[in-house]
């Protein structure tokens, strides 16, 4: 029975009533203090969680930057080696072409330049050779480009090109780091929202502490929780 709020069948002495009020106020004070302690702990934990996530994001950002540098460097090296491969193929074609023209000019007893100047037939040969070389590159690609590929691979190795397995590993690490950053950023947003709510409640309780205690002291312990939620 809540003897403060309800009438009794007989007169209650003032001293006894004061004792009941004193007991209820003590319970209200303890209840409010527990809420303050709990909210203070929640605020502290939320701030720690946010700080930990921010530190992890900083580390992950470092990983992302490092992996991006490696991947971008590898892409630049690949462009260089591709150009070297194409240049090597062109040089091979020119060597073959020069060899053919040189053989024909030797048969005529002329230099290569004289033969090119005096014989229009050589231009037809040049066109045929270009077509043949294109066909060979298309059908027997590894054999024709092997010297150029070897040179390009060697230069790529000197420049620090990563192999396919290493590059795949770095790409996976980059994707995982970016995904973790997104997850932790979302988690920080959620925790920050909870932190703001807890800080607002804590501020209100500390500001209106006496008023809240006075109102709760008029209630039974079972009713305090509901009334406290309404007040705060």
C-alpha atoms as a PDB file:
ATOM      1  CA  UNK A   1       0.000   0.000   0.000  1.00  0.00           C
ATOM      2  CA  UNK A   2       1.240   3.508  -0.842  1.00  0.00           C
ATOM      3  CA  UNK A   3       0.411   5.136   2.456  1.00  0.00           C
ATOM      4  CA  UNK A   4       1.327   8.598   1.246  1.00  0.00           C
ATOM      5  CA  UNK A   5      -1.113   8.749  -1.681  1.00  0.00           C
ATOM      6  CA  UNK A   6      -3.962   6.636  -0.276  1.00  0.00           C
ATOM      7  CA  UNK A   7      -6.270   7.244   2.663  1.00  0.00           C
ATOM      8  CA  UNK A   8      -6.116   4.949   5.621  1.00  0.00           C
ATOM      9  CA  UNK A   9      -8.910   3.662   7.821  1.00  0.00           C
ATOM     10  CA  UNK A  10      -7.431   5.332  10.838  1.00  0.00           C
ATOM     11  CA  UNK A  11      -5.530   8.523  11.510  1.00  0.00           C
ATOM     12  CA  UNK A  12      -1.787   8.258  10.813  1.00  0.00           C
ATOM     13  CA  UNK A  13       0.536  10.101  13.136  1.00  0.00           C
ATOM     14  CA  UNK A  14       2.555  12.924  11.562  1.00  0.00           C
ATOM     15  CA  UNK A  15       5.813  11.383  12.763  1.00  0.00           C
ATOM     16  CA  UNK A  16       4.986   8.111  11.019  1.00  0.00           C
ATOM     17  CA  UNK A  17       3.968   9.930   7.858  1.00  0.00           C
ATOM     18  CA  UNK A  18       7.257  11.856   7.889  1.00  0.00           C
ATOM     19  CA  UNK A  19       9.156   8.582   8.235  1.00  0.00           C
ATOM     20  CA  UNK A  20       7.324   7.135   5.245  1.00  0.00           C
ATOM     21  CA  UNK A  21       8.046  10.265   3.171  1.00  0.00           C
ATOM     22  CA  UNK A  22      11.688  10.140   4.236  1.00  0.00           C
ATOM     23  CA  UNK A  23      11.935   6.499   3.193  1.00  0.00           C
ATOM     24  CA  UNK A  24      10.312   7.201  -0.181  1.00  0.00           C
ATOM     25  CA  UNK A  25      12.635  10.164  -0.840  1.00  0.00           C
ATOM     26  CA  UNK A  26      15.659   8.048  -0.055  1.00  0.00           C
ATOM     27  CA  UNK A  27      14.493   5.416  -2.538  1.00  0.00           C
ATOM     28  CA  UNK A  28      13.863   8.151  -5.135  1.00  0.00           C
ATOM     29  CA  UNK A  29      17.343   9.610  -4.591  1.00  0.00           C
ATOM     30  CA  UNK A  30      18.939   6.178  -4.958  1.00  0.00           C
ATOM     31  CA  UNK A  31      16.859   5.500  -8.065  1.00  0.00           C
ATOM     32  CA  UNK A  32      17.885   8.779  -9.720  1.00  0.00           C
ATOM     33  CA  UNK A  33      21.533   8.292  -8.744  1.00  0.00           C
ATOM     34  CA  UNK A  34      21.499   4.823 -10.308  1.00  0.00           C
ATOM     35  CA  UNK A  35      20.135   6.350 -13.506  1.00  0.00           C
ATOM     36  CA  UNK A  36      22.847   9.035 -13.479  1.00  0.00           C
ATOM     37  CA  UNK A  37      25.535   6.407 -12.895  1.00  0.00           C
ATOM     38  CA  UNK A  38      24.165   4.163 -15.643  1.00  0.00           C
ATOM     39  CA  UNK A  39      23.902   6.997 -18.173  1.00  0.00           C
ATOM     40  CA  UNK A  40      27.383   8.286 -17.268  1.00  0.00           C
ATOM     41  CA  UNK A  41      28.775   4.806 -17.861  1.00  0.00           C
ATOM     42  CA  UNK A  42      26.913   4.568 -21.198  1.00  0.00           C
ATOM     43  CA  UNK A  43      28.294   7.950 -22.287  1.00  0.00           C
ATOM     44  CA  UNK A  44      31.828   6.902 -21.345  1.00  0.00           C
ATOM     45  CA  UNK A  45      31.531   3.576 -23.191  1.00  0.00           C
ATOM     46  CA  UNK A  46      30.016   5.235 -26.273  1.00  0.00           C
ATOM     47  CA  UNK A  47      32.837   7.796 -26.447  1.00  0.00           C
ATOM     48  CA  UNK A  48      35.421   5.038 -26.077  1.00  0.00           C
ATOM     49  CA  UNK A  49      33.760   2.996 -28.811  1.00  0.00           C
ATOM     50  CA  UNK A  50      33.706   5.977 -31.170  1.00  0.00           C
ATOM     51  CA  UNK A  51      37.370   6.762 -30.441  1.00  0.00           C
ATOM     52  CA  UNK A  52      38.376   3.114 -31.009  1.00  0.00           C
ATOM     53  CA  UNK A  53      36.504   2.997 -34.318  1.00  0.00           C
ATOM     54  CA  UNK A  54      38.058   6.276 -35.438  1.00  0.00           C
ATOM     55  CA  UNK A  55      41.533   4.931 -34.637  1.00  0.00           C
ATOM     56  CA  UNK A  56      40.799   1.765 -36.613  1.00  0.00           C
ATOM     57  CA  UNK A  57      39.505   3.850 -39.529  1.00  0.00           C
ATOM     58  CA  UNK A  58      42.753   5.846 -39.477  1.00  0.00           C
ATOM     59  CA  UNK A  59      44.765   2.612 -39.681  1.00  0.00           C
ATOM     60  CA  UNK A  60      42.506   1.272 -42.444  1.00  0.00           C
ATOM     61  CA  UNK A  61      42.858   4.514 -44.399  1.00  0.00           C
ATOM     62  CA  UNK A  62      46.619   4.028 -44.245  1.00  0.00           C
ATOM     63  CA  UNK A  63      46.196   0.526 -45.656  1.00  0.00           C
ATOM     64  CA  UNK A  64      43.925   1.829 -48.429  1.00  0.00           C
ATOM     65  CA  UNK A  65      46.412   4.549 -49.406  1.00  0.00           C
ATOM     66  CA  UNK A  66      49.315   2.096 -49.396  1.00  0.00           C
ATOM     67  CA  UNK A  67      47.497  -0.491 -51.490  1.00  0.00           C
ATOM     68  CA  UNK A  68      46.211   2.172 -53.895  1.00  0.00           C
ATOM     69  CA  UNK A  69      49.756   3.397 -54.469  1.00  0.00           C
ATOM     70  CA  UNK A  70      50.940  -0.132 -55.266  1.00  0.00           C
ATOM     71  CA  UNK A  71      47.997  -0.833 -57.602  1.00  0.00           C
ATOM     72  CA  UNK A  72      48.346   2.528 -59.386  1.00  0.00           C
ATOM     73  CA  UNK A  73      52.096   1.998 -59.749  1.00  0.00           C
ATOM     74  CA  UNK A  74      51.446  -1.456 -61.171  1.00  0.00           C
ATOM     75  CA  UNK A  75      48.961  -0.036 -63.689  1.00  0.00           C
ATOM     76  CA  UNK A  76      51.530   2.548 -64.839  1.00  0.00           C
ATOM     77  CA  UNK A  77      54.170  -0.169 -65.216  1.00  0.00           C
ATOM     78  CA  UNK A  78      51.738  -2.294 -67.243  1.00  0.00           C
ATOM     79  CA  UNK A  79      51.152   0.627 -69.619  1.00  0.00           C
ATOM     80  CA  UNK A  80      54.921   0.982 -70.037  1.00  0.00           C
ATOM     81  CA  UNK A  81      55.436  -2.752 -70.669  1.00  0.00           C
ATOM     82  CA  UNK A  82      52.529  -2.787 -73.152  1.00  0.00           C
ATOM     83  CA  UNK A  83      54.168   0.025 -75.092  1.00  0.00           C
ATOM     84  CA  UNK A  84      57.488  -1.840 -74.975  1.00  0.00           C
ATOM     85  CA  UNK A  85      55.777  -4.974 -76.304  1.00  0.00           C
ATOM     86  CA  UNK A  86      54.206  -3.044 -79.188  1.00  0.00           C
ATOM     87  CA  UNK A  87      57.501  -1.289 -79.920  1.00  0.00           C
ATOM     88  CA  UNK A  88      59.283  -4.655 -79.884  1.00  0.00           C
ATOM     89  CA  UNK A  89      56.749  -6.112 -82.325  1.00  0.00           C
ATOM     90  CA  UNK A  90      57.207  -3.126 -84.673  1.00  0.00           C
ATOM     91  CA  UNK A  91      60.989  -3.505 -84.500  1.00  0.00           C
ATOM     92  CA  UNK A  92      60.643  -7.218 -85.310  1.00  0.00           C
ATOM     93  CA  UNK A  93      58.489  -6.394 -88.318  1.00  0.00           C
ATOM     94  CA  UNK A  94      60.977  -3.775 -89.522  1.00  0.00           C
ATOM     95  CA  UNK A  95      63.898  -6.194 -89.099  1.00  0.00           C
ATOM     96  CA  UNK A  96      62.109  -8.856 -91.120  1.00  0.00           C
ATOM     97  CA  UNK A  97      61.136  -6.279 -93.717  1.00  0.00           C
ATOM     98  CA  UNK A  98      64.696  -4.936 -93.955  1.00  0.00           C
ATOM     99  CA  UNK A  99      66.040  -8.464 -94.307  1.00  0.00           C
ATOM    100  CA  UNK A 100      63.664  -9.178 -97.193  1.00  0.00           C
ATOM    101  CA  UNK A 101      64.397  -5.891 -98.990  1.00  0.00           C
ATOM    102  CA  UNK A 102      68.140  -6.341 -98.377  1.00  0.00           C
ATOM    103  CA  UNK A 103      68.030  -9.806 -99.954  1.00  0.00           C
ATOM    104  CA  UNK A 104      66.189  -8.500-103.004  1.00  0.00           C
ATOM    105  CA  UNK A 105      68.499  -5.496-103.401  1.00  0.00           C
ATOM    106  CA  UNK A 106      71.586  -7.723-103.117  1.00  0.00           C
ATOM    107  CA  UNK A 107      70.309  -9.844-105.989  1.00  0.00           C
ATOM    108  CA  UNK A 108      70.025  -6.659-108.096  1.00  0.00           C
ATOM    109  CA  UNK A 109      73.486  -5.433-107.012  1.00  0.00           C
ATOM    110  CA  UNK A 110      72.076  -2.324-105.351  1.00  0.00           C
ATOM    111  CA  UNK A 111      71.962  -0.852-101.910  1.00  0.00           C
ATOM    112  CA  UNK A 112      68.724  -1.058 -99.955  1.00  0.00           C
ATOM    113  CA  UNK A 113      68.047   2.665-100.365  1.00  0.00           C
ATOM    114  CA  UNK A 114      68.714   2.564-104.115  1.00  0.00           C
ATOM    115  CA  UNK A 115      66.471  -0.447-104.472  1.00  0.00           C
ATOM    116  CA  UNK A 116      63.658   1.272-102.574  1.00  0.00           C
ATOM    117  CA  UNK A 117      64.006   4.414-104.712  1.00  0.00           C
ATOM    118  CA  UNK A 118      64.100   2.607-108.052  1.00  0.00           C
ATOM    119  CA  UNK A 119      61.694  -0.284-107.489  1.00  0.00           C
ATOM    120  CA  UNK A 120      58.022   0.370-106.873  1.00  0.00           C
ATOM    121  CA  UNK A 121      57.599  -3.354-106.390  1.00  0.00           C
ATOM    122  CA  UNK A 122      59.134  -3.046-102.931  1.00  0.00           C
ATOM    123  CA  UNK A 123      56.130  -1.082-101.714  1.00  0.00           C
ATOM    124  CA  UNK A 124      53.861  -3.932-102.682  1.00  0.00           C
ATOM    125  CA  UNK A 125      56.186  -6.238-100.775  1.00  0.00           C
ATOM    126  CA  UNK A 126      55.977  -3.934 -97.754  1.00  0.00           C
ATOM    127  CA  UNK A 127      52.186  -4.120 -97.798  1.00  0.00           C
ATOM    128  CA  UNK A 128      52.220  -7.908 -98.132  1.00  0.00           C
ATOM    129  CA  UNK A 129      54.738  -8.222 -95.272  1.00  0.00           C
ATOM    130  CA  UNK A 130      52.642  -6.042 -93.012  1.00  0.00           C
ATOM    131  CA  UNK A 131      49.572  -8.169 -93.707  1.00  0.00           C
ATOM    132  CA  UNK A 132      51.522 -11.396 -93.161  1.00  0.00           C
ATOM    133  CA  UNK A 133      53.048 -10.119 -89.910  1.00  0.00           C
ATOM    134  CA  UNK A 134      49.596  -9.087 -88.646  1.00  0.00           C
ATOM    135  CA  UNK A 135      48.280 -12.562 -89.465  1.00  0.00           C
ATOM    136  CA  UNK A 136      51.235 -14.238 -87.731  1.00  0.00           C
ATOM    137  CA  UNK A 137      50.796 -12.108 -84.613  1.00  0.00           C
ATOM    138  CA  UNK A 138      47.130 -13.017 -84.519  1.00  0.00           C
ATOM    139  CA  UNK A 139      47.574 -16.765 -85.039  1.00  0.00           C
ATOM    140  CA  UNK A 140      50.982 -17.477 -83.472  1.00  0.00           C
ATOM    141  CA  UNK A 141      51.041 -14.638 -80.913  1.00  0.00           C
ATOM    142  CA  UNK A 142      53.420 -16.097 -78.311  1.00  0.00           C
ATOM    143  CA  UNK A 143      56.089 -17.098 -80.824  1.00  0.00           C
ATOM    144  CA  UNK A 144      56.207 -13.767 -82.647  1.00  0.00           C
ATOM    145  CA  UNK A 145      56.072 -11.589 -79.560  1.00  0.00           C
ATOM    146  CA  UNK A 146      58.291 -13.766 -77.370  1.00  0.00           C
ATOM    147  CA  UNK A 147      61.410 -11.536 -77.584  1.00  0.00           C
ATOM    148  CA  UNK A 148      59.360  -8.389 -76.976  1.00  0.00           C
ATOM    149  CA  UNK A 149      57.509 -10.031 -74.088  1.00  0.00           C
ATOM    150  CA  UNK A 150      60.770 -11.143 -72.488  1.00  0.00           C
ATOM    151  CA  UNK A 151      62.173  -7.613 -72.694  1.00  0.00           C
ATOM    152  CA  UNK A 152      58.925  -6.093 -71.376  1.00  0.00           C
ATOM    153  CA  UNK A 153      58.804  -8.588 -68.488  1.00  0.00           C
ATOM    154  CA  UNK A 154      62.408  -7.864 -67.560  1.00  0.00           C
ATOM    155  CA  UNK A 155      61.814  -4.096 -67.579  1.00  0.00           C
ATOM    156  CA  UNK A 156      58.626  -4.554 -65.561  1.00  0.00           C
ATOM    157  CA  UNK A 157      60.590  -6.544 -62.989  1.00  0.00           C
ATOM    158  CA  UNK A 158      63.213  -3.777 -62.764  1.00  0.00           C
ATOM    159  CA  UNK A 159      60.489  -1.150 -62.272  1.00  0.00           C
ATOM    160  CA  UNK A 160      58.952  -3.228 -59.456  1.00  0.00           C
ATOM    161  CA  UNK A 161      55.869  -4.674 -61.114  1.00  0.00           C
ATOM    162  CA  UNK A 162      53.912  -6.978 -58.804  1.00  0.00           C
ATOM    163  CA  UNK A 163      53.012 -10.478 -59.983  1.00  0.00           C
ATOM    164  CA  UNK A 164      49.392 -11.511 -60.496  1.00  0.00           C
ATOM    165  CA  UNK A 165      49.092 -13.342 -57.166  1.00  0.00           C
ATOM    166  CA  UNK A 166      50.475 -10.412 -55.168  1.00  0.00           C
ATOM    167  CA  UNK A 167      48.314  -7.929 -57.064  1.00  0.00           C
ATOM    168  CA  UNK A 168      45.214 -10.038 -56.397  1.00  0.00           C
ATOM    169  CA  UNK A 169      46.078 -10.156 -52.691  1.00  0.00           C
ATOM    170  CA  UNK A 170      46.550  -6.376 -52.543  1.00  0.00           C
ATOM    171  CA  UNK A 171      43.258  -5.816 -54.354  1.00  0.00           C
ATOM    172  CA  UNK A 172      41.406  -8.047 -51.877  1.00  0.00           C
ATOM    173  CA  UNK A 173      43.030  -6.250 -48.943  1.00  0.00           C
ATOM    174  CA  UNK A 174      42.005  -2.905 -50.440  1.00  0.00           C
ATOM    175  CA  UNK A 175      38.383  -4.038 -50.890  1.00  0.00           C
ATOM    176  CA  UNK A 176      38.235  -5.452 -47.345  1.00  0.00           C
ATOM    177  CA  UNK A 177      39.705  -2.277 -45.857  1.00  0.00           C
ATOM    178  CA  UNK A 178      37.196  -0.076 -47.721  1.00  0.00           C
ATOM    179  CA  UNK A 179      34.323  -2.309 -46.609  1.00  0.00           C
ATOM    180  CA  UNK A 180      35.521  -2.153 -42.983  1.00  0.00           C
ATOM    181  CA  UNK A 181      35.762   1.628 -43.170  1.00  0.00           C
ATOM    182  CA  UNK A 182      32.150   1.820 -44.375  1.00  0.00           C
ATOM    183  CA  UNK A 183      30.955  -0.522 -41.606  1.00  0.00           C
ATOM    184  CA  UNK A 184      32.824   1.352 -38.874  1.00  0.00           C
ATOM    185  CA  UNK A 185      31.634   4.718 -40.180  1.00  0.00           C
ATOM    186  CA  UNK A 186      28.028   3.489 -40.009  1.00  0.00           C
ATOM    187  CA  UNK A 187      28.660   2.120 -36.519  1.00  0.00           C
ATOM    188  CA  UNK A 188      30.061   5.488 -35.399  1.00  0.00           C
ATOM    189  CA  UNK A 189      26.928   7.201 -36.729  1.00  0.00           C
ATOM    190  CA  UNK A 190      24.690   4.836 -34.747  1.00  0.00           C
ATOM    191  CA  UNK A 191      26.734   5.111 -31.537  1.00  0.00           C
ATOM    192  CA  UNK A 192      26.930   8.906 -31.902  1.00  0.00           C
ATOM    193  CA  UNK A 193      23.130   9.057 -32.080  1.00  0.00           C
ATOM    194  CA  UNK A 194      22.858   6.961 -28.892  1.00  0.00           C
ATOM    195  CA  UNK A 195      25.529   9.115 -27.235  1.00  0.00           C
ATOM    196  CA  UNK A 196      23.651  12.326 -28.038  1.00  0.00           C
ATOM    197  CA  UNK A 197      20.474  10.877 -26.549  1.00  0.00           C
ATOM    198  CA  UNK A 198      22.253   9.716 -23.374  1.00  0.00           C
ATOM    199  CA  UNK A 199      24.009  13.079 -22.926  1.00  0.00           C
ATOM    200  CA  UNK A 200      20.723  14.952 -23.323  1.00  0.00           C
ATOM    201  CA  UNK A 201      19.039  12.717 -20.745  1.00  0.00           C
ATOM    202  CA  UNK A 202      21.966  13.085 -18.355  1.00  0.00           C
ATOM    203  CA  UNK A 203      21.966  16.861 -18.743  1.00  0.00           C
ATOM    204  CA  UNK A 204      18.216  17.048 -18.074  1.00  0.00           C
ATOM    205  CA  UNK A 205      18.428  14.780 -15.015  1.00  0.00           C
ATOM    206  CA  UNK A 206      21.264  16.809 -13.471  1.00  0.00           C
ATOM    207  CA  UNK A 207      19.456  20.071 -14.196  1.00  0.00           C
ATOM    208  CA  UNK A 208      16.061  18.940 -12.804  1.00  0.00           C
ATOM    209  CA  UNK A 209      17.388  16.460 -10.262  1.00  0.00           C
ATOM    210  CA  UNK A 210      15.590  17.873  -7.215  1.00  0.00           C
ATOM    211  CA  UNK A 211      12.314  18.249  -9.061  1.00  0.00           C
ATOM    212  CA  UNK A 212      12.493  14.680 -10.382  1.00  0.00           C
ATOM    213  CA  UNK A 213      13.327  13.286  -6.948  1.00  0.00           C
ATOM    214  CA  UNK A 214      10.410  15.179  -5.369  1.00  0.00           C
ATOM    215  CA  UNK A 215       7.983  13.776  -7.929  1.00  0.00           C
ATOM    216  CA  UNK A 216       9.327  10.228  -7.684  1.00  0.00           C
ATOM    217  CA  UNK A 217       9.245  10.325  -3.880  1.00  0.00           C
ATOM    218  CA  UNK A 218       5.459  10.541  -4.102  1.00  0.00           C
ATOM    219  CA  UNK A 219       5.303   7.217  -5.897  1.00  0.00           C
ATOM    220  CA  UNK A 220       5.885   3.597  -5.052  1.00  0.00           C
ATOM    221  CA  UNK A 221       9.128   1.973  -6.299  1.00  0.00           C
ATOM    222  CA  UNK A 222       7.115   0.070  -8.911  1.00  0.00           C
ATOM    223  CA  UNK A 223       5.799   3.312 -10.433  1.00  0.00           C
ATOM    224  CA  UNK A 224       9.103   5.221 -10.450  1.00  0.00           C
ATOM    225  CA  UNK A 225      10.450   3.683 -13.666  1.00  0.00           C
ATOM    226  CA  UNK A 226       7.423   4.641 -15.714  1.00  0.00           C
ATOM    227  CA  UNK A 227       7.249   8.171 -14.292  1.00  0.00           C
ATOM    228  CA  UNK A 228      10.997   8.660 -14.734  1.00  0.00           C
ATOM    229  CA  UNK A 229      10.761   7.729 -18.423  1.00  0.00           C
ATOM    230  CA  UNK A 230       7.956  10.246 -18.847  1.00  0.00           C
ATOM    231  CA  UNK A 231       9.861  13.025 -17.082  1.00  0.00           C
ATOM    232  CA  UNK A 232      13.139  12.479 -18.876  1.00  0.00           C
END
